[in-house]
Amino acid sequence: MNYRDSALELARSRGIVRARDFKSAGIPLVYLKRLTDSGDLVRLGRGLYQDPDRVGEHVAHDLAEATRLMANGTVCLLSALRQHELTTQLPHAVWMMIPHKARAPISPSFPVKIVRATGDALTSGIERISVEGVDVPIYGVAKTVADCFKYRRLVGEDVAIEALRDALRFRKTTPNELMKYAAIDRCSARMEPLIRALQE
């Protein structure tokens, strides 16, 4: 079996593979770039790769796993954007919002990004989806977009603006809904002029 076949077999068997797993299997890391350039592997994030046929599969599965790990958590930010089809990015971790004083999971089996909140910023705008029989709480479109502005230092302002533009363009929410959650997240001053500009 050549390096290419070995790398692809490893990706198929493990789902998500770290760069160091390829290295441990004796596969030179230079092959990873060749395989991602050819579309045979998808780079999920720094040092994380996956078989392209399993990309959607791991995203949904990890949401269910994260909910099992954090019963008091809600899927948020980049993971929620992905679920609402408001980003083409593949989050390299599951983003979860948990109460300010709640314990974060210790050594989860997959990457998790924890964000903390309290009050209405934590409890408002929650919807529920079913993944693998698990009732997964996730923030709705308007709350997710507002959260992206609130936490723009974490996700990037370009991501927040793109999410806002696409949410309005594809009519996934309304300006009134967006402003409702912007007020809760205390980011109205940043969002309101952008909403107005996008409506013109």
C-alpha atoms as a PDB file:
ATOM      1  CA  MET A   1       0.000   0.000   0.000  1.00  0.00           C
ATOM      2  CA  ASN A   2       1.453   3.385  -0.975  1.00  0.00           C
ATOM      3  CA  TYR A   3       1.421   6.544   1.179  1.00  0.00           C
ATOM      4  CA  ARG A   4      -1.694   7.911  -0.530  1.00  0.00           C
ATOM      5  CA  ASP A   5      -3.716   4.742   0.017  1.00  0.00           C
ATOM      6  CA  SER A   6      -2.484   4.423   3.590  1.00  0.00           C
ATOM      7  CA  ALA A   7      -3.505   8.009   4.387  1.00  0.00           C
ATOM      8  CA  LEU A   8      -6.955   7.588   2.846  1.00  0.00           C
ATOM      9  CA  GLU A   9      -7.528   4.278   4.638  1.00  0.00           C
ATOM     10  CA  LEU A  10      -6.593   5.926   7.946  1.00  0.00           C
ATOM     11  CA  ALA A  11      -9.022   8.788   7.280  1.00  0.00           C
ATOM     12  CA  ARG A  12     -11.831   6.364   6.395  1.00  0.00           C
ATOM     13  CA  SER A  13     -11.295   4.211   9.472  1.00  0.00           C
ATOM     14  CA  ARG A  14     -10.964   6.997  12.041  1.00  0.00           C
ATOM     15  CA  GLY A  15     -13.281   9.682  10.650  1.00  0.00           C
ATOM     16  CA  ILE A  16     -11.194  12.627  11.856  1.00  0.00           C
ATOM     17  CA  VAL A  17      -7.431  12.232  11.858  1.00  0.00           C
ATOM     18  CA  ARG A  18      -4.753  14.406  13.401  1.00  0.00           C
ATOM     19  CA  ALA A  19      -1.573  15.219  11.510  1.00  0.00           C
ATOM     20  CA  ARG A  20       0.424  13.412  14.184  1.00  0.00           C
ATOM     21  CA  ASP A  21      -1.659  10.241  13.587  1.00  0.00           C
ATOM     22  CA  PHE A  22      -0.515  10.232   9.957  1.00  0.00           C
ATOM     23  CA  LYS A  23       3.058  10.789  11.096  1.00  0.00           C
ATOM     24  CA  SER A  24       2.803   7.901  13.595  1.00  0.00           C
ATOM     25  CA  ALA A  25       1.565   5.672  10.766  1.00  0.00           C
ATOM     26  CA  GLY A  26       4.743   6.496   8.820  1.00  0.00           C
ATOM     27  CA  ILE A  27       3.027   8.795   6.299  1.00  0.00           C
ATOM     28  CA  PRO A  28       5.105  11.894   5.418  1.00  0.00           C
ATOM     29  CA  LEU A  29       3.149  15.067   6.183  1.00  0.00           C
ATOM     30  CA  VAL A  30       3.902  16.445   2.702  1.00  0.00           C
ATOM     31  CA  TYR A  31       1.247  14.031   1.402  1.00  0.00           C
ATOM     32  CA  LEU A  32      -1.481  15.788   3.413  1.00  0.00           C
ATOM     33  CA  LYS A  33      -1.198  18.950   1.331  1.00  0.00           C
ATOM     34  CA  ARG A  34      -1.274  16.932  -1.889  1.00  0.00           C
ATOM     35  CA  LEU A  35      -4.373  15.046  -0.738  1.00  0.00           C
ATOM     36  CA  THR A  36      -6.205  18.201   0.353  1.00  0.00           C
ATOM     37  CA  ASP A  37      -5.268  19.970  -2.906  1.00  0.00           C
ATOM     38  CA  SER A  38      -6.694  17.040  -4.882  1.00  0.00           C
ATOM     39  CA  GLY A  39      -9.872  16.905  -2.765  1.00  0.00           C
ATOM     40  CA  ASP A  40      -9.124  13.434  -1.376  1.00  0.00           C
ATOM     41  CA  LEU A  41      -8.920  14.864   2.161  1.00  0.00           C
ATOM     42  CA  VAL A  42     -10.641  17.829   3.795  1.00  0.00           C
ATOM     43  CA  ARG A  43      -8.669  20.001   6.200  1.00  0.00           C
ATOM     44  CA  LEU A  44     -11.053  20.760   9.086  1.00  0.00           C
ATOM     45  CA  GLY A  45      -8.620  22.971  10.953  1.00  0.00           C
ATOM     46  CA  ARG A  46      -5.019  23.113  12.019  1.00  0.00           C
ATOM     47  CA  GLY A  47      -3.741  19.547  12.167  1.00  0.00           C
ATOM     48  CA  LEU A  48      -7.198  17.960  11.624  1.00  0.00           C
ATOM     49  CA  TYR A  49      -8.182  16.081   8.456  1.00  0.00           C
ATOM     50  CA  GLN A  50     -11.166  14.039   7.299  1.00  0.00           C
ATOM     51  CA  ASP A  51     -12.468  11.861   4.479  1.00  0.00           C
ATOM     52  CA  PRO A  52     -14.666  14.270   2.393  1.00  0.00           C
ATOM     53  CA  ASP A  53     -17.476  11.676   2.304  1.00  0.00           C
ATOM     54  CA  ARG A  54     -17.808  11.921   6.090  1.00  0.00           C
ATOM     55  CA  VAL A  55     -17.691  15.689   6.601  1.00  0.00           C
ATOM     56  CA  GLY A  56     -21.396  16.242   7.313  1.00  0.00           C
ATOM     57  CA  GLU A  57     -21.542  13.057   9.349  1.00  0.00           C
ATOM     58  CA  HIS A  58     -19.012  14.126  11.973  1.00  0.00           C
ATOM     59  CA  VAL A  59     -20.497  17.621  12.328  1.00  0.00           C
ATOM     60  CA  ALA A  60     -23.925  16.327  13.364  1.00  0.00           C
ATOM     61  CA  HIS A  61     -22.545  13.468  15.451  1.00  0.00           C
ATOM     62  CA  ASP A  62     -20.314  15.798  17.457  1.00  0.00           C
ATOM     63  CA  LEU A  63     -23.277  18.059  18.255  1.00  0.00           C
ATOM     64  CA  ALA A  64     -25.017  15.055  19.817  1.00  0.00           C
ATOM     65  CA  GLU A  65     -21.861  14.067  21.701  1.00  0.00           C
ATOM     66  CA  ALA A  66     -21.355  17.609  22.990  1.00  0.00           C
ATOM     67  CA  THR A  67     -24.948  17.697  24.258  1.00  0.00           C
ATOM     68  CA  ARG A  68     -24.393  14.406  26.061  1.00  0.00           C
ATOM     69  CA  LEU A  69     -21.253  15.840  27.661  1.00  0.00           C
ATOM     70  CA  MET A  70     -22.819  19.193  28.618  1.00  0.00           C
ATOM     71  CA  ALA A  71     -26.496  18.831  29.488  1.00  0.00           C
ATOM     72  CA  ASN A  72     -26.571  22.539  30.408  1.00  0.00           C
ATOM     73  CA  GLY A  73     -24.897  23.656  27.167  1.00  0.00           C
ATOM     74  CA  THR A  74     -26.307  25.069  23.925  1.00  0.00           C
ATOM     75  CA  VAL A  75     -24.742  24.791  20.464  1.00  0.00           C
ATOM     76  CA  CYS A  76     -23.611  28.286  19.467  1.00  0.00           C
ATOM     77  CA  LEU A  77     -21.522  30.511  17.206  1.00  0.00           C
ATOM     78  CA  LEU A  78     -19.628  28.713  14.388  1.00  0.00           C
ATOM     79  CA  SER A  79     -21.293  25.341  15.062  1.00  0.00           C
ATOM     80  CA  ALA A  80     -24.745  26.947  15.009  1.00  0.00           C
ATOM     81  CA  LEU A  81     -23.871  28.929  11.858  1.00  0.00           C
ATOM     82  CA  ARG A  82     -22.862  25.685  10.167  1.00  0.00           C
ATOM     83  CA  GLN A  83     -26.096  23.972  11.192  1.00  0.00           C
ATOM     84  CA  HIS A  84     -28.141  26.939   9.915  1.00  0.00           C
ATOM     85  CA  GLU A  85     -26.154  26.864   6.631  1.00  0.00           C
ATOM     86  CA  LEU A  86     -24.842  30.383   7.168  1.00  0.00           C
ATOM     87  CA  THR A  87     -21.163  29.585   6.710  1.00  0.00           C
ATOM     88  CA  THR A  88     -19.047  27.461   4.432  1.00  0.00           C
ATOM     89  CA  GLN A  89     -16.445  27.062   7.168  1.00  0.00           C
ATOM     90  CA  LEU A  90     -16.029  23.722   8.891  1.00  0.00           C
ATOM     91  CA  PRO A  91     -15.567  24.442  12.605  1.00  0.00           C
ATOM     92  CA  HIS A  92     -12.610  22.484  13.973  1.00  0.00           C
ATOM     93  CA  ALA A  93     -14.431  22.240  17.317  1.00  0.00           C
ATOM     94  CA  VAL A  94     -17.986  22.122  18.651  1.00  0.00           C
ATOM     95  CA  TRP A  95     -18.873  25.546  20.028  1.00  0.00           C
ATOM     96  CA  MET A  96     -21.026  25.371  23.168  1.00  0.00           C
ATOM     97  CA  MET A  97     -22.430  28.115  25.392  1.00  0.00           C
ATOM     98  CA  ILE A  98     -22.621  27.134  29.063  1.00  0.00           C
ATOM     99  CA  PRO A  99     -23.558  28.972  32.294  1.00  0.00           C
ATOM    100  CA  HIS A 100     -20.861  31.214  33.715  1.00  0.00           C
ATOM    101  CA  LYS A 101     -20.063  28.958  36.690  1.00  0.00           C
ATOM    102  CA  ALA A 102     -20.680  25.573  35.031  1.00  0.00           C
ATOM    103  CA  ARG A 103     -17.846  23.072  34.772  1.00  0.00           C
ATOM    104  CA  ALA A 104     -16.353  22.488  31.345  1.00  0.00           C
ATOM    105  CA  PRO A 105     -15.795  18.851  30.315  1.00  0.00           C
ATOM    106  CA  ILE A 106     -12.369  17.405  31.097  1.00  0.00           C
ATOM    107  CA  SER A 107     -10.502  15.803  28.190  1.00  0.00           C
ATOM    108  CA  PRO A 108     -13.424  15.348  25.760  1.00  0.00           C
ATOM    109  CA  SER A 109     -12.828  12.903  22.896  1.00  0.00           C
ATOM    110  CA  PHE A 110     -13.230  15.682  20.295  1.00  0.00           C
ATOM    111  CA  PRO A 111     -12.388  19.411  20.206  1.00  0.00           C
ATOM    112  CA  VAL A 112     -14.816  21.649  22.138  1.00  0.00           C
ATOM    113  CA  LYS A 113     -14.808  25.438  22.315  1.00  0.00           C
ATOM    114  CA  ILE A 114     -16.539  26.786  25.441  1.00  0.00           C
ATOM    115  CA  VAL A 115     -18.177  30.211  25.656  1.00  0.00           C
ATOM    116  CA  ARG A 116     -19.842  31.405  28.865  1.00  0.00           C
ATOM    117  CA  ALA A 117     -22.871  33.616  29.421  1.00  0.00           C
ATOM    118  CA  THR A 118     -25.523  34.455  31.999  1.00  0.00           C
ATOM    119  CA  GLY A 119     -29.148  35.610  32.073  1.00  0.00           C
ATOM    120  CA  ASP A 120     -31.056  36.215  28.840  1.00  0.00           C
ATOM    121  CA  ALA A 121     -27.850  36.020  26.798  1.00  0.00           C
ATOM    122  CA  LEU A 122     -27.648  32.371  27.876  1.00  0.00           C
ATOM    123  CA  THR A 123     -31.311  31.310  27.898  1.00  0.00           C
ATOM    124  CA  SER A 124     -33.010  33.209  25.047  1.00  0.00           C
ATOM    125  CA  GLY A 125     -33.346  32.156  21.411  1.00  0.00           C
ATOM    126  CA  ILE A 126     -32.889  28.425  21.990  1.00  0.00           C
ATOM    127  CA  GLU A 127     -34.358  25.962  19.486  1.00  0.00           C
ATOM    128  CA  ARG A 128     -34.121  22.172  19.494  1.00  0.00           C
ATOM    129  CA  ILE A 129     -33.078  19.700  16.817  1.00  0.00           C
ATOM    130  CA  SER A 130     -32.871  15.918  16.933  1.00  0.00           C
ATOM    131  CA  VAL A 131     -29.504  14.335  16.141  1.00  0.00           C
ATOM    132  CA  GLU A 132     -29.113  10.572  16.468  1.00  0.00           C
ATOM    133  CA  GLY A 133     -32.050  10.533  18.881  1.00  0.00           C
ATOM    134  CA  VAL A 134     -30.487  13.237  21.072  1.00  0.00           C
ATOM    135  CA  ASP A 135     -32.470  16.417  21.768  1.00  0.00           C
ATOM    136  CA  VAL A 136     -29.843  19.058  20.905  1.00  0.00           C
ATOM    137  CA  PRO A 137     -30.375  22.672  22.037  1.00  0.00           C
ATOM    138  CA  ILE A 138     -29.078  25.207  19.527  1.00  0.00           C
ATOM    139  CA  TYR A 139     -29.444  28.966  19.215  1.00  0.00           C
ATOM    140  CA  GLY A 140     -31.726  30.112  16.399  1.00  0.00           C
ATOM    141  CA  VAL A 141     -30.518  32.158  13.458  1.00  0.00           C
ATOM    142  CA  ALA A 142     -31.104  35.660  14.882  1.00  0.00           C
ATOM    143  CA  LYS A 143     -29.540  34.845  18.262  1.00  0.00           C
ATOM    144  CA  THR A 144     -26.569  33.142  16.592  1.00  0.00           C
ATOM    145  CA  VAL A 145     -25.890  36.169  14.383  1.00  0.00           C
ATOM    146  CA  ALA A 146     -26.110  38.513  17.378  1.00  0.00           C
ATOM    147  CA  ASP A 147     -23.768  36.219  19.320  1.00  0.00           C
ATOM    148  CA  CYS A 148     -21.254  36.399  16.467  1.00  0.00           C
ATOM    149  CA  PHE A 149     -21.148  40.177  16.911  1.00  0.00           C
ATOM    150  CA  LYS A 150     -20.953  39.916  20.694  1.00  0.00           C
ATOM    151  CA  TYR A 151     -18.071  37.442  20.427  1.00  0.00           C
ATOM    152  CA  ARG A 152     -16.544  38.845  17.239  1.00  0.00           C
ATOM    153  CA  ARG A 153     -13.079  38.767  18.790  1.00  0.00           C
ATOM    154  CA  LEU A 154     -13.431  34.981  18.953  1.00  0.00           C
ATOM    155  CA  VAL A 155     -15.030  34.278  15.575  1.00  0.00           C
ATOM    156  CA  GLY A 156     -13.848  37.263  13.522  1.00  0.00           C
ATOM    157  CA  GLU A 157     -15.856  40.307  12.499  1.00  0.00           C
ATOM    158  CA  ASP A 158     -15.822  39.189   8.851  1.00  0.00           C
ATOM    159  CA  VAL A 159     -17.641  35.988   9.879  1.00  0.00           C
ATOM    160  CA  ALA A 160     -20.247  37.994  11.814  1.00  0.00           C
ATOM    161  CA  ILE A 161     -20.896  40.373   8.907  1.00  0.00           C
ATOM    162  CA  GLU A 162     -21.132  37.516   6.399  1.00  0.00           C
ATOM    163  CA  ALA A 163     -23.620  35.689   8.664  1.00  0.00           C
ATOM    164  CA  LEU A 164     -25.743  38.825   9.029  1.00  0.00           C
ATOM    165  CA  ARG A 165     -25.751  39.465   5.286  1.00  0.00           C
ATOM    166  CA  ASP A 166     -26.666  35.869   4.400  1.00  0.00           C
ATOM    167  CA  ALA A 167     -29.312  35.578   7.128  1.00  0.00           C
ATOM    168  CA  LEU A 168     -31.118  38.595   5.627  1.00  0.00           C
ATOM    169  CA  ARG A 169     -30.458  37.691   1.992  1.00  0.00           C
ATOM    170  CA  PHE A 170     -31.864  34.169   2.386  1.00  0.00           C
ATOM    171  CA  ARG A 171     -34.680  35.395   4.667  1.00  0.00           C
ATOM    172  CA  LYS A 172     -33.718  33.112   7.506  1.00  0.00           C
ATOM    173  CA  THR A 173     -34.654  35.855   9.983  1.00  0.00           C
ATOM    174  CA  THR A 174     -35.942  39.432  10.085  1.00  0.00           C
ATOM    175  CA  PRO A 175     -34.382  42.777  11.044  1.00  0.00           C
ATOM    176  CA  ASN A 176     -36.729  42.957  14.054  1.00  0.00           C
ATOM    177  CA  GLU A 177     -35.631  39.535  15.312  1.00  0.00           C
ATOM    178  CA  LEU A 178     -31.988  40.476  14.844  1.00  0.00           C
ATOM    179  CA  MET A 179     -32.415  43.712  16.781  1.00  0.00           C
ATOM    180  CA  LYS A 180     -34.229  41.875  19.583  1.00  0.00           C
ATOM    181  CA  TYR A 181     -31.210  39.652  20.184  1.00  0.00           C
ATOM    182  CA  ALA A 182     -28.738  42.450  19.506  1.00  0.00           C
ATOM    183  CA  ALA A 183     -30.321  44.265  22.469  1.00  0.00           C
ATOM    184  CA  ILE A 184     -30.025  41.156  24.660  1.00  0.00           C
ATOM    185  CA  ASP A 185     -26.374  40.735  23.640  1.00  0.00           C
ATOM    186  CA  ARG A 186     -25.701  44.484  24.009  1.00  0.00           C
ATOM    187  CA  CYS A 187     -24.358  44.857  20.486  1.00  0.00           C
ATOM    188  CA  SER A 188     -27.159  46.982  18.956  1.00  0.00           C
ATOM    189  CA  ALA A 189     -24.850  49.897  18.232  1.00  0.00           C
ATOM    190  CA  ARG A 190     -22.661  47.681  16.046  1.00  0.00           C
ATOM    191  CA  MET A 191     -25.451  45.763  14.303  1.00  0.00           C
ATOM    192  CA  GLU A 192     -28.121  48.402  13.657  1.00  0.00           C
ATOM    193  CA  PRO A 193     -26.223  50.472  11.033  1.00  0.00           C
ATOM    194  CA  LEU A 194     -25.200  47.266   9.228  1.00  0.00           C
ATOM    195  CA  ILE A 195     -28.780  46.016   9.163  1.00  0.00           C
ATOM    196  CA  ARG A 196     -29.950  49.348   7.756  1.00  0.00           C
ATOM    197  CA  ALA A 197     -27.230  49.361   5.101  1.00  0.00           C
ATOM    198  CA  LEU A 198     -28.072  45.809   4.019  1.00  0.00           C
ATOM    199  CA  GLN A 199     -31.739  46.723   3.610  1.00  0.00           C
ATOM    200  CA  GLU A 200     -31.036  49.645   1.258  1.00  0.00           C
END
